[in-house]
Amino acid sequence: MTVTKSNSCRACVRASFPKLTTTSAAMLMLLTAPLSEAAENSVSIYGIIDVGLLYQSKTDAGGSKTSLETSGIRQSILGFKGNRDLGNGLNGFFNLEAHYDTNNGNFHGTGDAEGTGNKLFRRQSNLGLSSDWGSVTLGRQYGPALLAHIGTEPRAFKEQFSNLYAWAYNQYAATAGGPGTERNTNNDVGIFFSNAIQYRHTVGPVNFGVLWALGGKEGSMETNGAFALGATYTGPLILSASYQIIKDEKTANNNVTHSGLGVAFPFGDFTFKGNYLNAKNELNTGASVSNVNAVSAGVDWKWHPQNTATVAYYDNKDQRNKNDHTRNLVLSNDFAIRADTTLYIQMAYVDAGSEATIKTSIVAAGVPAVGEKSTLVNAGINFTF
């Protein structure tokens, strides 16, 4: 849905917001500035609703489990975005994006160190400018490192049964502790960053982004900060690369050092993919805690104009603890009833080591059954608007 505001709306908008924060004022200034032939304002509402059934053959308690689960292939979100042509090739934009659970209506829990579990705009709350020189975005936003690998991760970082979780869980424990422990208040599982500035640009076949999350601590430019970069080359092959560090709130140690490489090769109705991620976790003193390699490979097969089948294999292992190891085989099919509505079914066979942790898991809820082999089947519907 797109709404275009005229000059007559300015007074009513301002009257509705008598007290504004700096960010809110900047956003409303962008929305309510005078219009001209070269400058028009638009606001769009968008979202995803995703829910399905999940069967798990074995849990740590020994039995099976069936549940209604949110976000099988993509997260359920509600978002608002706006754009204004400022003239002379310059555009202003904003993004507000909330994450919720379809099965119960709650806001999705946050991975922030200071999070309360009910953050309204967990995913995005930002304002920016763009032109032919690229874009600059300020505020809470997606980091460029994960975005770089969407085209090369075997399941495009789907919300269930992918290395989205090896990514997130490896950047949680070393950044979301209590005060005085391993902690960084400017990142949420290494995917979303607060107090951040990001520059993005496309040069020929290469799209890249560089992000700096300001620590905001007295006397140091490094403590509590984060730095991320990611790049994707799109040609006959798709190549991806990323690097990301998240620094401690007190010591400025690199609590998390994360890097990745990926490749995808389209060939007719098939797309072959391979992806490598490495995450090193340290205490705020610099002592090593874990070193997880996440290796994956897969193929998409568009066997029908409305159907895409995927086979993917994930082998995730902590090099410091050989028993924290999971091997995973995933089979899935997405049936696009139309461009905005998809029925999906996906199955994962998980072989978890005797000391497997969430750091090597591809399952949203963590390791299905430690030291066991288990099968999970998820079927649902994804609706976008």
Protein backbone atom coordinates (compact mmCIF):
# COMPACT_ATOMS: atom_id res chain seq x y z
CA MET A 1 0.00 0.00 0.00
CA THR A 2 1.34 3.44 -0.95
CA VAL A 3 0.19 6.71 0.56
CA THR A 4 1.12 10.09 -0.92
CA LYS A 5 0.91 13.07 1.43
CA SER A 6 0.04 16.61 0.31
CA ASN A 7 0.91 19.95 1.90
CA SER A 8 -2.49 20.03 3.62
CA CYS A 9 -1.41 17.09 5.81
CA ARG A 10 1.53 18.91 7.39
CA ALA A 11 -0.36 20.58 10.21
CA CYS A 12 -2.32 17.46 11.19
CA VAL A 13 0.82 15.30 11.19
CA ARG A 14 2.71 17.75 13.42
CA ALA A 15 -0.26 18.16 15.75
CA SER A 16 -0.31 14.42 16.29
CA PHE A 17 3.33 14.41 17.45
CA PRO A 18 3.80 17.33 19.89
CA LYS A 19 6.92 15.77 21.45
CA LEU A 20 9.53 14.23 19.18
CA THR A 21 12.85 12.52 19.65
CA THR A 22 15.67 13.61 17.37
CA THR A 23 15.21 10.56 15.15
CA SER A 24 11.44 10.96 15.00
CA ALA A 25 11.75 14.64 14.18
CA ALA A 26 14.20 13.92 11.37
CA MET A 27 11.93 11.27 9.92
CA LEU A 28 8.83 13.47 10.09
CA MET A 29 10.76 16.38 8.62
CA LEU A 30 11.53 14.15 5.67
CA LEU A 31 7.87 13.14 5.38
CA THR A 32 6.29 16.57 5.84
CA ALA A 33 8.66 18.93 4.01
CA PRO A 34 6.99 21.01 1.26
CA LEU A 35 6.33 19.16 -1.95
CA SER A 36 7.33 20.35 -5.40
CA GLU A 37 7.18 18.95 -8.88
CA ALA A 38 10.59 17.30 -8.32
CA ALA A 39 10.02 16.13 -4.75
CA GLU A 40 7.20 13.75 -3.82
CA ASN A 41 6.67 11.74 -0.67
CA SER A 42 5.62 8.09 -0.51
CA VAL A 43 5.10 5.70 2.40
CA SER A 44 4.58 1.95 1.96
CA ILE A 45 3.37 -0.74 4.34
CA TYR A 46 4.67 -4.26 3.73
CA GLY A 47 4.98 -7.56 5.54
CA ILE A 48 5.30 -11.33 5.68
CA ILE A 49 3.01 -13.78 7.47
CA ASP A 50 4.49 -17.27 7.80
CA VAL A 51 3.27 -20.20 9.89
CA GLY A 52 3.20 -24.01 9.73
CA LEU A 53 3.29 -27.33 11.55
CA LEU A 54 6.59 -28.75 12.84
CA TYR A 55 7.06 -32.41 13.73
CA GLN A 56 10.19 -33.47 15.61
CA SER A 57 10.87 -37.21 15.99
CA LYS A 58 13.02 -36.94 19.11
CA THR A 59 13.74 -34.43 21.87
CA ASP A 60 16.16 -34.46 24.80
CA ALA A 61 13.28 -35.88 26.88
CA GLY A 62 13.13 -38.85 24.50
CA GLY A 63 9.71 -38.39 22.92
CA SER A 64 8.46 -36.75 19.77
CA LYS A 65 6.86 -33.31 19.53
CA THR A 66 4.40 -31.57 17.21
CA SER A 67 3.89 -27.82 17.34
CA LEU A 68 2.59 -24.83 15.43
CA GLU A 69 5.65 -22.79 14.48
CA THR A 70 6.15 -19.31 13.09
CA SER A 71 8.48 -18.36 10.24
CA GLY A 72 9.32 -21.57 8.40
CA ILE A 73 10.94 -20.10 5.31
CA ARG A 74 10.91 -16.36 6.08
CA GLN A 75 10.42 -14.33 9.23
CA SER A 76 6.98 -12.83 9.97
CA ILE A 77 7.40 -9.06 9.81
CA LEU A 78 5.48 -5.81 9.57
CA GLY A 79 7.32 -2.89 8.00
CA PHE A 80 7.00 0.71 6.93
CA LYS A 81 9.27 2.41 4.42
CA GLY A 82 9.32 5.82 2.87
CA ASN A 83 11.13 7.57 0.07
CA ARG A 84 11.37 11.19 -1.06
CA ASP A 85 12.95 12.66 -4.15
CA LEU A 86 14.96 15.59 -2.81
CA GLY A 87 16.00 16.81 -6.23
CA ASN A 88 19.35 16.92 -8.01
CA GLY A 89 19.56 13.12 -7.96
CA LEU A 90 19.32 12.88 -4.15
CA ASN A 91 16.75 10.71 -2.34
CA GLY A 92 15.84 10.42 1.32
CA PHE A 93 14.44 7.21 2.80
CA PHE A 94 13.49 5.52 6.06
CA ASN A 95 12.81 1.94 7.22
CA LEU A 96 10.89 0.68 10.26
CA GLU A 97 10.56 -3.10 10.57
CA ALA A 98 9.10 -5.22 13.37
CA HIS A 99 9.47 -8.99 13.86
CA TYR A 100 6.62 -11.01 15.39
CA ASP A 101 5.59 -14.63 15.89
CA THR A 102 2.51 -15.65 13.89
CA ASN A 103 1.61 -18.58 16.15
CA ASN A 104 1.03 -16.41 19.23
CA GLY A 105 1.16 -12.76 18.11
CA ASN A 106 4.11 -11.83 20.33
CA PHE A 107 7.04 -9.71 19.25
CA HIS A 108 9.94 -12.03 18.48
CA GLY A 109 12.55 -12.13 21.25
CA THR A 110 15.64 -10.01 20.84
CA GLY A 111 19.29 -11.03 21.02
CA ASP A 112 20.46 -7.63 22.27
CA ALA A 113 22.53 -7.56 25.46
CA GLU A 114 20.12 -4.96 26.82
CA GLY A 115 17.06 -6.49 25.16
CA THR A 116 13.80 -7.08 27.00
CA GLY A 117 12.31 -9.45 24.45
CA ASN A 118 9.69 -6.98 23.23
CA LYS A 119 11.65 -4.55 21.06
CA LEU A 120 9.16 -2.96 18.63
CA PHE A 121 11.39 -2.32 15.60
CA ARG A 122 13.89 -5.10 16.19
CA ARG A 123 15.00 -5.44 12.60
CA GLN A 124 15.15 -1.88 11.26
CA SER A 125 14.77 1.66 12.52
CA ASN A 126 16.81 3.90 10.24
CA LEU A 127 17.00 6.97 8.03
CA GLY A 128 19.26 7.58 5.05
CA LEU A 129 20.22 9.29 1.82
CA SER A 130 20.97 7.78 -1.59
CA SER A 131 22.20 8.93 -4.97
CA ASP A 132 24.33 7.65 -7.83
CA TRP A 133 27.27 7.58 -5.39
CA GLY A 134 25.49 4.91 -3.29
CA SER A 135 23.60 5.15 0.00
CA VAL A 136 24.30 6.05 3.61
CA THR A 137 22.00 4.63 6.31
CA LEU A 138 21.95 5.68 9.97
CA GLY A 139 20.25 3.80 12.79
CA ARG A 140 19.36 0.19 13.53
CA GLN A 141 19.82 -1.93 10.41
CA TYR A 142 20.91 -5.19 8.79
CA GLY A 143 24.66 -5.74 8.68
CA PRO A 144 26.28 -6.13 5.25
CA ALA A 145 28.14 -9.34 6.11
CA LEU A 146 25.11 -11.64 6.26
CA LEU A 147 23.44 -9.90 3.30
CA ALA A 148 26.44 -10.71 1.12
CA HIS A 149 25.84 -14.48 1.38
CA ILE A 150 22.09 -14.72 0.71
CA GLY A 151 22.74 -15.82 -2.88
CA THR A 152 25.36 -18.45 -1.95
CA GLU A 153 24.03 -19.98 1.29
CA PRO A 154 22.39 -23.26 0.15
CA ARG A 155 18.97 -22.30 1.55
CA ALA A 156 19.39 -18.51 1.32
CA PHE A 157 19.42 -18.27 5.14
CA LYS A 158 15.85 -19.51 5.48
CA GLU A 159 14.35 -19.14 8.95
CA GLN A 160 14.29 -22.89 9.54
CA PHE A 161 16.97 -25.48 8.69
CA SER A 162 19.80 -23.24 7.45
CA ASN A 163 23.06 -21.72 8.68
CA LEU A 164 21.21 -18.59 9.68
CA TYR A 165 21.45 -20.17 13.14
CA ALA A 166 25.13 -21.08 13.00
CA TRP A 167 25.58 -17.40 12.14
CA ALA A 168 23.36 -16.02 14.90
CA TYR A 169 24.17 -18.38 17.77
CA ASN A 170 27.92 -18.00 17.24
CA GLN A 171 27.53 -14.24 17.71
CA TYR A 172 25.24 -14.36 20.72
CA ALA A 173 27.01 -15.94 23.71
CA ALA A 174 30.10 -13.73 23.40
CA THR A 175 28.11 -10.50 23.10
CA ALA A 176 24.94 -10.76 25.20
CA GLY A 177 26.25 -11.46 28.70
CA GLY A 178 25.53 -9.48 31.83
CA PRO A 179 27.48 -6.34 32.77
CA GLY A 180 31.14 -7.20 33.40
CA THR A 181 31.03 -10.32 31.20
CA GLU A 182 31.26 -10.69 27.44
CA ARG A 183 28.96 -7.96 26.19
CA ASN A 184 28.25 -5.62 23.28
CA THR A 185 25.08 -3.52 23.31
CA ASN A 186 25.16 -2.52 19.63
CA ASN A 187 24.47 -5.84 17.94
CA ASP A 188 21.67 -8.40 17.89
CA VAL A 189 23.05 -11.90 17.05
CA GLY A 190 25.44 -10.40 14.51
CA ILE A 191 22.59 -9.63 12.10
CA PHE A 192 21.09 -6.33 13.28
CA PHE A 193 23.20 -3.41 14.49
CA SER A 194 22.18 -0.40 16.56
CA ASN A 195 23.84 3.04 16.51
CA ALA A 196 25.19 2.10 13.11
CA ILE A 197 26.32 3.90 9.97
CA GLN A 198 26.45 1.93 6.72
CA TYR A 199 27.62 2.85 3.24
CA ARG A 200 26.44 0.72 0.30
CA HIS A 201 27.20 0.95 -3.40
CA THR A 202 27.16 -1.08 -6.59
CA VAL A 203 30.13 -0.85 -8.96
CA GLY A 204 29.60 -2.88 -12.11
CA PRO A 205 28.84 -6.47 -11.05
CA VAL A 206 29.92 -5.90 -7.41
CA ASN A 207 27.58 -4.79 -4.64
CA PHE A 208 29.19 -4.05 -1.27
CA GLY A 209 28.48 -2.55 2.13
CA VAL A 210 30.61 -1.27 5.01
CA LEU A 211 29.12 -0.76 8.48
CA TRP A 212 30.41 0.77 11.70
CA ALA A 213 28.36 0.52 14.89
CA LEU A 214 29.52 3.28 17.21
CA GLY A 215 30.35 2.08 20.70
CA GLY A 216 29.20 5.26 22.40
CA LYS A 217 31.55 4.77 25.34
CA GLU A 218 33.58 7.51 26.94
CA GLY A 219 37.30 7.69 26.22
CA SER A 220 37.47 5.08 23.43
CA MET A 221 36.38 4.74 19.82
CA GLU A 222 36.66 0.94 20.00
CA THR A 223 34.88 -0.30 23.12
CA ASN A 224 31.39 -1.65 22.45
CA GLY A 225 31.81 -1.07 18.71
CA ALA A 226 31.30 -3.36 15.74
CA PHE A 227 32.61 -3.40 12.19
CA ALA A 228 31.24 -5.37 9.24
CA LEU A 229 31.74 -5.56 5.52
CA GLY A 230 30.31 -7.74 2.81
CA ALA A 231 30.52 -7.95 -0.97
CA THR A 232 28.74 -9.91 -3.69
CA TYR A 233 29.86 -10.37 -7.29
CA THR A 234 27.08 -11.29 -9.71
CA GLY A 235 28.20 -12.57 -13.10
CA PRO A 236 28.33 -16.03 -14.66
CA LEU A 237 29.10 -17.06 -11.07
CA ILE A 238 27.86 -15.49 -7.85
CA LEU A 239 30.70 -14.94 -5.36
CA SER A 240 30.36 -13.65 -1.80
CA ALA A 241 32.74 -12.62 0.96
CA SER A 242 32.33 -11.12 4.43
CA TYR A 243 34.22 -10.08 7.55
CA GLN A 244 32.80 -8.92 10.87
CA ILE A 245 34.14 -8.14 14.35
CA ILE A 246 32.19 -7.33 17.51
CA LYS A 247 34.09 -5.68 20.35
CA ASP A 248 33.65 -5.98 24.10
CA GLU A 249 31.86 -3.22 26.02
CA LYS A 250 34.68 -2.88 28.59
CA THR A 251 37.93 -4.19 27.11
CA ALA A 252 37.43 -3.60 23.34
CA ASN A 253 38.52 -7.20 22.76
CA ASN A 254 37.25 -8.86 19.59
CA ASN A 255 34.72 -11.10 21.34
CA VAL A 256 33.52 -12.31 17.93
CA THR A 257 35.49 -12.54 14.70
CA HIS A 258 33.36 -13.85 11.86
CA SER A 259 34.24 -14.39 8.20
CA GLY A 260 32.77 -16.14 5.20
CA LEU A 261 33.13 -17.10 1.54
CA GLY A 262 30.53 -18.41 -0.87
CA VAL A 263 29.89 -19.37 -4.49
CA ALA A 264 26.81 -20.14 -6.58
CA PHE A 265 26.73 -21.45 -10.14
CA PRO A 266 23.49 -21.26 -12.15
CA PHE A 267 23.17 -23.96 -14.81
CA GLY A 268 19.84 -24.18 -16.61
CA ASP A 269 17.13 -25.12 -14.12
CA PHE A 270 19.75 -25.80 -11.43
CA THR A 271 21.76 -23.55 -9.14
CA PHE A 272 24.67 -25.15 -7.30
CA LYS A 273 25.84 -23.46 -4.08
CA GLY A 274 28.69 -23.73 -1.59
CA ASN A 275 29.30 -21.68 1.54
CA TYR A 276 31.91 -21.50 4.29
CA LEU A 277 31.55 -19.58 7.55
CA ASN A 278 33.97 -19.33 10.46
CA ALA A 279 33.19 -17.86 13.87
CA LYS A 280 35.73 -17.37 16.66
CA ASN A 281 34.45 -16.56 20.18
CA GLU A 282 36.66 -15.19 22.95
CA LEU A 283 36.29 -14.07 26.53
CA ASN A 284 36.66 -10.33 27.05
CA THR A 285 40.20 -11.13 28.25
CA GLY A 286 41.11 -12.56 24.84
CA ALA A 287 41.01 -16.23 25.88
CA SER A 288 39.64 -18.50 23.15
CA VAL A 289 36.25 -20.15 23.74
CA SER A 290 35.19 -21.67 20.42
CA ASN A 291 36.17 -21.82 16.76
CA VAL A 292 33.27 -23.06 14.64
CA ASN A 293 33.55 -23.97 10.96
CA ALA A 294 30.20 -24.15 9.18
CA VAL A 295 30.49 -25.81 5.78
CA SER A 296 27.49 -26.24 3.50
CA ALA A 297 26.63 -27.23 -0.06
CA GLY A 298 23.40 -27.62 -1.97
CA VAL A 299 21.45 -27.36 -5.20
CA ASP A 300 18.19 -25.67 -6.16
CA TRP A 301 16.18 -27.31 -8.92
CA LYS A 302 13.35 -25.34 -10.54
CA TRP A 303 11.59 -28.44 -11.81
CA HIS A 304 8.36 -26.60 -12.62
CA PRO A 305 7.51 -22.90 -13.15
CA GLN A 306 5.86 -22.87 -9.71
CA ASN A 307 8.08 -25.36 -7.86
CA THR A 308 11.65 -25.19 -6.58
CA ALA A 309 13.19 -28.18 -4.82
CA THR A 310 16.37 -27.91 -2.72
CA VAL A 311 18.82 -30.45 -1.35
CA ALA A 312 21.39 -29.13 1.13
CA TYR A 313 24.02 -30.58 3.46
CA TYR A 314 25.46 -28.80 6.51
CA ASP A 315 28.51 -29.90 8.51
CA ASN A 316 29.14 -27.61 11.47
CA LYS A 317 31.91 -28.29 14.00
CA ASP A 318 33.71 -26.51 16.81
CA GLN A 319 37.43 -27.06 16.22
CA ARG A 320 38.05 -26.74 19.97
CA ASN A 321 35.53 -29.45 20.84
CA LYS A 322 35.10 -32.27 18.32
CA ASN A 323 31.92 -33.45 20.07
CA ASP A 324 30.18 -30.13 19.40
CA HIS A 325 29.38 -31.24 15.88
CA THR A 326 26.19 -31.59 13.84
CA ARG A 327 25.67 -33.11 10.41
CA ASN A 328 22.45 -32.15 8.68
CA LEU A 329 20.68 -33.15 5.47
CA VAL A 330 17.80 -30.94 4.32
CA LEU A 331 15.21 -31.63 1.59
CA SER A 332 12.55 -29.09 0.67
CA ASN A 333 10.09 -27.91 -1.95
CA ASP A 334 8.53 -24.45 -2.31
CA PHE A 335 5.30 -24.26 -4.33
CA ALA A 336 4.55 -20.68 -5.44
CA ILE A 337 0.78 -20.52 -5.83
CA ARG A 338 1.40 -16.96 -7.00
CA ALA A 339 4.25 -14.48 -6.57
CA ASP A 340 3.14 -13.50 -3.05
CA THR A 341 1.94 -16.87 -1.68
CA THR A 342 4.07 -19.99 -1.16
CA LEU A 343 3.25 -23.40 0.25
CA TYR A 344 6.34 -25.16 1.56
CA ILE A 345 7.42 -28.48 2.97
CA GLN A 346 10.92 -29.09 4.34
CA MET A 347 12.60 -31.93 6.18
CA ALA A 348 15.86 -32.04 8.12
CA TYR A 349 17.75 -35.11 9.28
CA VAL A 350 20.02 -34.05 12.17
CA ASP A 351 22.91 -36.10 13.57
CA ALA A 352 24.02 -34.23 16.70
CA GLY A 353 27.25 -34.95 18.57
CA SER A 354 27.37 -35.87 22.24
CA GLU A 355 28.18 -32.27 23.22
CA ALA A 356 26.38 -30.46 20.41
CA THR A 357 25.34 -26.87 21.19
CA ILE A 358 23.36 -24.15 19.49
CA LYS A 359 26.60 -22.95 17.88
CA THR A 360 26.51 -25.88 15.44
CA SER A 361 22.73 -26.14 15.03
CA ILE A 362 20.64 -25.33 11.93
CA VAL A 363 17.34 -25.64 13.84
CA ALA A 364 15.65 -22.47 15.10
CA ALA A 365 14.97 -23.89 18.57
CA GLY A 366 18.51 -25.24 18.96
CA VAL A 367 19.79 -28.83 18.95
CA PRO A 368 16.78 -31.20 18.64
CA ALA A 369 18.32 -33.96 20.77
CA VAL A 370 21.94 -33.88 21.93
CA GLY A 371 23.86 -37.03 21.00
CA GLU A 372 20.95 -38.37 18.95
CA LYS A 373 19.74 -38.66 15.39
CA SER A 374 16.41 -36.98 14.74
CA THR A 375 14.09 -36.03 11.90
CA LEU A 376 12.15 -32.79 11.65
CA VAL A 377 9.38 -32.03 9.14
CA ASN A 378 7.94 -28.55 8.68
CA ALA A 379 5.00 -27.70 6.37
CA GLY A 380 3.37 -24.31 6.13
CA ILE A 381 2.34 -21.24 4.16
CA ASN A 382 4.14 -17.97 3.53
CA PHE A 383 2.14 -14.90 2.51
CA THR A 384 3.69 -11.55 1.57
CA PHE A 385 2.06 -8.18 1.08
